[in-house]
N, C-alpha and C. Protein backbone atom coordinates (compact mmCIF):
# COMPACT_ATOMS: atom_id res chain seq x y z
N UNK A 1 8.48 -26.03 28.93
CA UNK A 1 9.04 -25.80 27.61
C UNK A 1 7.92 -25.36 26.65
N UNK A 2 6.81 -26.05 26.69
CA UNK A 2 5.69 -25.70 25.82
C UNK A 2 5.10 -24.35 26.21
N UNK A 3 5.05 -24.09 27.50
CA UNK A 3 4.54 -22.80 27.98
C UNK A 3 5.44 -21.65 27.52
N UNK A 4 6.74 -21.84 27.56
CA UNK A 4 7.68 -20.80 27.11
C UNK A 4 7.50 -20.54 25.62
N UNK A 5 7.27 -21.58 24.85
CA UNK A 5 7.03 -21.42 23.42
C UNK A 5 5.75 -20.65 23.16
N UNK A 6 4.71 -20.97 23.92
CA UNK A 6 3.43 -20.27 23.75
C UNK A 6 3.57 -18.80 24.11
N UNK A 7 4.32 -18.50 25.16
CA UNK A 7 4.54 -17.11 25.56
C UNK A 7 5.32 -16.38 24.48
N UNK A 8 6.32 -17.02 23.92
CA UNK A 8 7.12 -16.40 22.86
C UNK A 8 6.27 -16.10 21.63
N UNK A 9 5.39 -17.01 21.25
CA UNK A 9 4.50 -16.79 20.11
C UNK A 9 3.54 -15.64 20.40
N UNK A 10 3.01 -15.58 21.60
CA UNK A 10 2.10 -14.51 21.98
C UNK A 10 2.79 -13.15 21.94
N UNK A 11 3.99 -13.09 22.47
CA UNK A 11 4.73 -11.83 22.47
C UNK A 11 5.05 -11.40 21.04
N UNK A 12 5.44 -12.34 20.20
CA UNK A 12 5.77 -12.02 18.81
C UNK A 12 4.52 -11.53 18.06
N UNK A 13 3.37 -12.13 18.34
CA UNK A 13 2.14 -11.74 17.66
C UNK A 13 1.65 -10.37 18.11
N UNK A 14 1.84 -10.04 19.37
CA UNK A 14 1.32 -8.79 19.91
C UNK A 14 2.37 -7.68 19.95
N UNK A 15 3.58 -7.94 19.49
CA UNK A 15 4.64 -6.94 19.59
C UNK A 15 4.31 -5.62 18.91
N UNK A 16 3.73 -5.58 17.70
CA UNK A 16 3.42 -4.27 17.10
C UNK A 16 2.49 -3.42 17.96
N UNK A 17 1.52 -4.04 18.58
CA UNK A 17 0.59 -3.29 19.42
C UNK A 17 1.29 -2.80 20.68
N UNK A 18 2.10 -3.66 21.30
CA UNK A 18 2.82 -3.27 22.51
C UNK A 18 3.82 -2.17 22.19
N UNK A 19 4.53 -2.29 21.09
CA UNK A 19 5.52 -1.28 20.71
C UNK A 19 4.85 0.06 20.44
N UNK A 20 3.66 0.04 19.84
CA UNK A 20 2.94 1.28 19.58
C UNK A 20 2.50 1.93 20.89
N UNK A 21 2.05 1.12 21.84
CA UNK A 21 1.63 1.67 23.13
C UNK A 21 2.81 2.26 23.89
N UNK A 22 3.95 1.62 23.81
CA UNK A 22 5.14 2.09 24.52
C UNK A 22 5.97 3.05 23.68
N UNK A 23 5.51 3.30 22.46
CA UNK A 23 6.21 4.18 21.51
C UNK A 23 7.64 3.73 21.28
N UNK A 24 7.80 2.44 21.11
CA UNK A 24 9.10 1.87 20.80
C UNK A 24 9.17 1.71 19.29
N UNK A 25 10.21 2.28 18.69
CA UNK A 25 10.37 2.17 17.24
C UNK A 25 11.42 1.12 16.94
N UNK A 26 11.17 0.36 15.90
CA UNK A 26 12.16 -0.61 15.45
C UNK A 26 13.17 0.07 14.54
N UNK A 27 14.02 -0.72 13.93
CA UNK A 27 15.04 -0.16 13.06
C UNK A 27 14.44 0.38 11.77
N UNK A 28 13.43 -0.26 11.23
CA UNK A 28 12.87 0.14 9.93
C UNK A 28 12.32 1.56 9.92
N UNK A 29 11.51 1.98 10.91
CA UNK A 29 11.00 3.35 10.85
C UNK A 29 12.11 4.40 10.88
N UNK A 30 13.20 4.13 11.62
CA UNK A 30 14.30 5.08 11.65
C UNK A 30 14.97 5.18 10.30
N UNK A 31 15.18 4.05 9.65
CA UNK A 31 15.77 4.05 8.33
C UNK A 31 14.87 4.78 7.34
N UNK A 32 13.58 4.53 7.44
CA UNK A 32 12.63 5.17 6.54
C UNK A 32 12.60 6.68 6.79
N UNK A 33 12.68 7.09 8.04
CA UNK A 33 12.66 8.51 8.37
C UNK A 33 13.89 9.19 7.80
N UNK A 34 15.04 8.52 7.81
CA UNK A 34 16.26 9.09 7.25
C UNK A 34 16.15 9.28 5.74
N UNK A 35 15.44 8.39 5.07
CA UNK A 35 15.33 8.44 3.62
C UNK A 35 14.31 9.46 3.13
N UNK A 36 13.33 9.79 3.93
CA UNK A 36 12.23 10.64 3.48
C UNK A 36 12.67 12.01 2.96
N UNK A 37 13.65 12.70 3.53
CA UNK A 37 14.01 14.01 2.98
C UNK A 37 14.49 13.94 1.52
N UNK A 38 14.90 12.78 1.06
CA UNK A 38 15.39 12.65 -0.30
C UNK A 38 14.25 12.46 -1.30
N UNK A 39 13.06 12.21 -0.82
CA UNK A 39 11.94 11.98 -1.72
C UNK A 39 11.40 13.31 -2.23
N UNK A 40 10.88 13.28 -3.46
CA UNK A 40 10.27 14.47 -4.03
C UNK A 40 8.84 14.15 -4.44
N UNK A 41 7.97 15.12 -4.30
CA UNK A 41 6.58 14.97 -4.69
C UNK A 41 6.44 15.23 -6.18
N UNK A 42 5.82 14.30 -6.88
CA UNK A 42 5.61 14.43 -8.32
C UNK A 42 4.27 15.13 -8.53
N UNK A 43 4.23 16.19 -9.35
CA UNK A 43 2.96 16.89 -9.56
C UNK A 43 1.92 15.97 -10.23
N UNK A 44 0.69 16.16 -9.88
CA UNK A 44 -0.39 15.34 -10.40
C UNK A 44 -0.80 15.80 -11.79
N UNK A 45 -0.97 14.85 -12.66
CA UNK A 45 -1.45 15.14 -14.01
C UNK A 45 -2.76 14.39 -14.23
N UNK A 46 -3.63 14.45 -13.23
CA UNK A 46 -4.84 13.63 -13.26
C UNK A 46 -5.79 14.03 -14.38
N UNK A 47 -5.87 15.31 -14.72
CA UNK A 47 -6.79 15.72 -15.79
C UNK A 47 -6.32 15.18 -17.13
N UNK A 48 -5.02 15.25 -17.39
CA UNK A 48 -4.50 14.70 -18.64
C UNK A 48 -4.69 13.20 -18.69
N UNK A 49 -4.47 12.55 -17.56
CA UNK A 49 -4.63 11.10 -17.49
C UNK A 49 -6.08 10.71 -17.73
N UNK A 50 -7.01 11.43 -17.10
CA UNK A 50 -8.43 11.12 -17.27
C UNK A 50 -8.85 11.31 -18.72
N UNK A 51 -8.35 12.36 -19.36
CA UNK A 51 -8.69 12.59 -20.76
C UNK A 51 -8.13 11.48 -21.65
N UNK A 52 -6.92 11.02 -21.37
CA UNK A 52 -6.35 9.94 -22.18
C UNK A 52 -7.10 8.64 -21.98
N UNK A 53 -7.57 8.39 -20.77
CA UNK A 53 -8.35 7.18 -20.51
C UNK A 53 -9.68 7.25 -21.26
N UNK A 54 -10.32 8.41 -21.25
CA UNK A 54 -11.58 8.58 -21.98
C UNK A 54 -11.37 8.33 -23.47
N UNK A 55 -10.29 8.87 -24.03
CA UNK A 55 -10.00 8.66 -25.46
C UNK A 55 -9.78 7.18 -25.74
N UNK A 56 -9.03 6.51 -24.88
CA UNK A 56 -8.76 5.09 -25.08
C UNK A 56 -10.05 4.27 -24.99
N UNK A 57 -10.91 4.61 -24.05
CA UNK A 57 -12.17 3.87 -23.90
C UNK A 57 -13.09 4.08 -25.10
N UNK A 58 -13.08 5.27 -25.68
CA UNK A 58 -13.91 5.53 -26.85
C UNK A 58 -13.42 4.78 -28.07
N UNK A 59 -12.13 4.47 -28.13
CA UNK A 59 -11.57 3.78 -29.28
C UNK A 59 -11.69 2.26 -29.18
N UNK A 60 -12.08 1.75 -28.03
CA UNK A 60 -12.22 0.30 -27.88
C UNK A 60 -13.42 -0.20 -28.67
N UNK A 61 -13.28 -1.36 -29.30
CA UNK A 61 -14.43 -1.93 -30.00
C UNK A 61 -15.45 -2.45 -28.99
N UNK A 62 -16.72 -2.34 -29.34
CA UNK A 62 -17.79 -2.81 -28.46
C UNK A 62 -18.64 -3.84 -29.18
N UNK A 63 -19.35 -4.63 -28.41
CA UNK A 63 -20.27 -5.62 -28.97
C UNK A 63 -21.69 -5.12 -28.79
N UNK A 64 -22.45 -5.07 -29.86
CA UNK A 64 -23.85 -4.71 -29.78
C UNK A 64 -24.66 -5.98 -29.53
N UNK A 65 -25.91 -5.81 -29.15
CA UNK A 65 -26.78 -6.96 -28.89
C UNK A 65 -26.94 -7.80 -30.18
N UNK A 66 -27.05 -7.16 -31.30
CA UNK A 66 -27.25 -7.92 -32.54
C UNK A 66 -25.97 -8.67 -32.95
N UNK A 67 -24.79 -8.18 -32.53
CA UNK A 67 -23.54 -8.88 -32.84
C UNK A 67 -23.41 -10.17 -32.04
N UNK A 68 -24.02 -10.20 -30.86
CA UNK A 68 -23.91 -11.39 -30.00
C UNK A 68 -24.69 -12.57 -30.56
N UNK A 69 -25.74 -12.31 -31.32
CA UNK A 69 -26.58 -13.38 -31.84
C UNK A 69 -25.93 -13.97 -33.01
């Protein structure tokens, strides 16, 4: 009984690796694959974001060494 439990725990722990080797897919990847065509790529606005972060950082108050004393 204890041996069967240990084998079950071992199989459960190693199942992702075994499934990858045998190329067995679970239900989740199939569901995810079905949903992917509905997704859209959002264009990157990284330059605008970086500029807004720079502006925000410049507006933050800072502490000088003389203010700490």
